Amino acid sequence: MKRFNVPILLIVLLSTLMGLAWFEVIDLYIQTIILFMGINIITSTSLNLVNGNMGEFSCGHAGFIAVGAYVSSILSVALFTKSKVFGAPLLPPEMAAYGFPLVLICGGIAAAFTGLLVALPSFRTRDDYLAIITIAANYIIISTIINIDTIGGARGFMGMRRVIFAMEECAEIPWMILWVFVFMVLSIIIIRRYMSSTYGKGVEAIRQDEVAAEIMSVNTNRIKLVTFMISSGLAGIAGGLYAHTIGYINPKSFDLLKSTEALVMVYLGGMGSISGSIIAAVVFTLMIELLRPLQIIKWVAIPLLLIIIMQFRPEGIMGHRELSDIFPRLKKFYKFK
């Protein structure tokens, strides 16, 4: 029965959240905060795969989020809604409920291929040089989007809310809570499975000593490539969920500040700790809401928080540990086999 512990708990949690939203026990504001928590969990765990587990220093994660956000948004609007840009929908709107996860996956694949392009020149770079490459990639992606007037350019892109309305015509349930929860869980499982695989052992070897890993016949280039693609692909899915939650995106939503938010969550939670990234994403989302009345000052507080973390607790909340390392009895809930 232990193998069913996690699925049962997840089903109960999802049913509870959707029930509370369905009966309007939690209003739209609380629902939005919950959605952002799930999206930030995907963002932080995906970046932690590179910065924490592999020991690299990627600073342009928002670029991959932008790719996923725009690709999934363009596809969903073109396929399921009528718009001024694309005209009549290519598919019946009632198909939105079934096609939406495929649209998100397409956004993730596009972001993964973008990660491939970034990973290729990073084979011979580490630390500061990799940070420069990823920052440059972030700005290249944003500049490219700004100069494509068909998708709104600097004005941004909208129409994703109509896709949600189309799904609600099929069944009036809180669809975004469902999809954010499902893809959040899938992202965590993918990362856990990957880090438990042979490739995951290679990732840990690169973090410890890349030169020694190469001497021990670890194909570091291939592992870097696959890890970057998984990380950026999951970031693209987070971007797609973010775009459809907000209903409007523009290039400035994915600038360096967005990448800084991801870095704060990774280093706040702990390098290489999935549990830490989840805890940090929840804490960070709540902190952002508490600081919202400060308006522009909060964008000073977020980078300042990163500096404080690096100075006084560089290992983060969890360090390189998981909750099951601190509370061994929790290991029985991690039985997936």
Foldseek 3Di string as FASTA:
>chain_A
DLLCLQVVVLVVVLVVVQVCVVVVVDPPVVVLLVLLLLLLLLLQVLVLLCCFLQVFDAQQLLLLLVQLQLQLQVLLCQAAHADPLNGHHVHHNLCLLVCSVVSLLVLLQRQLVLLLVLLVVCPPPGDPVSHVSSQVSNVVSLCVQLPPPSQPRQNWHFDLQVSVVSPVVNPNTPSLSVVSSVLSVVSVVVSVVCLVDPLVVLSNVSNVPVVVSVVVVRPVSVSSSVSSSSSSSSSSSSSNSVCNSVRIDGSVVRHSLVSLLSVLLNQQQFRQESQRSSVSSSVSSVVCVVCVVVPPVVSVVSVVSVVVSCVPPRGHDQRNDYVCVVVVVCVSNVNND
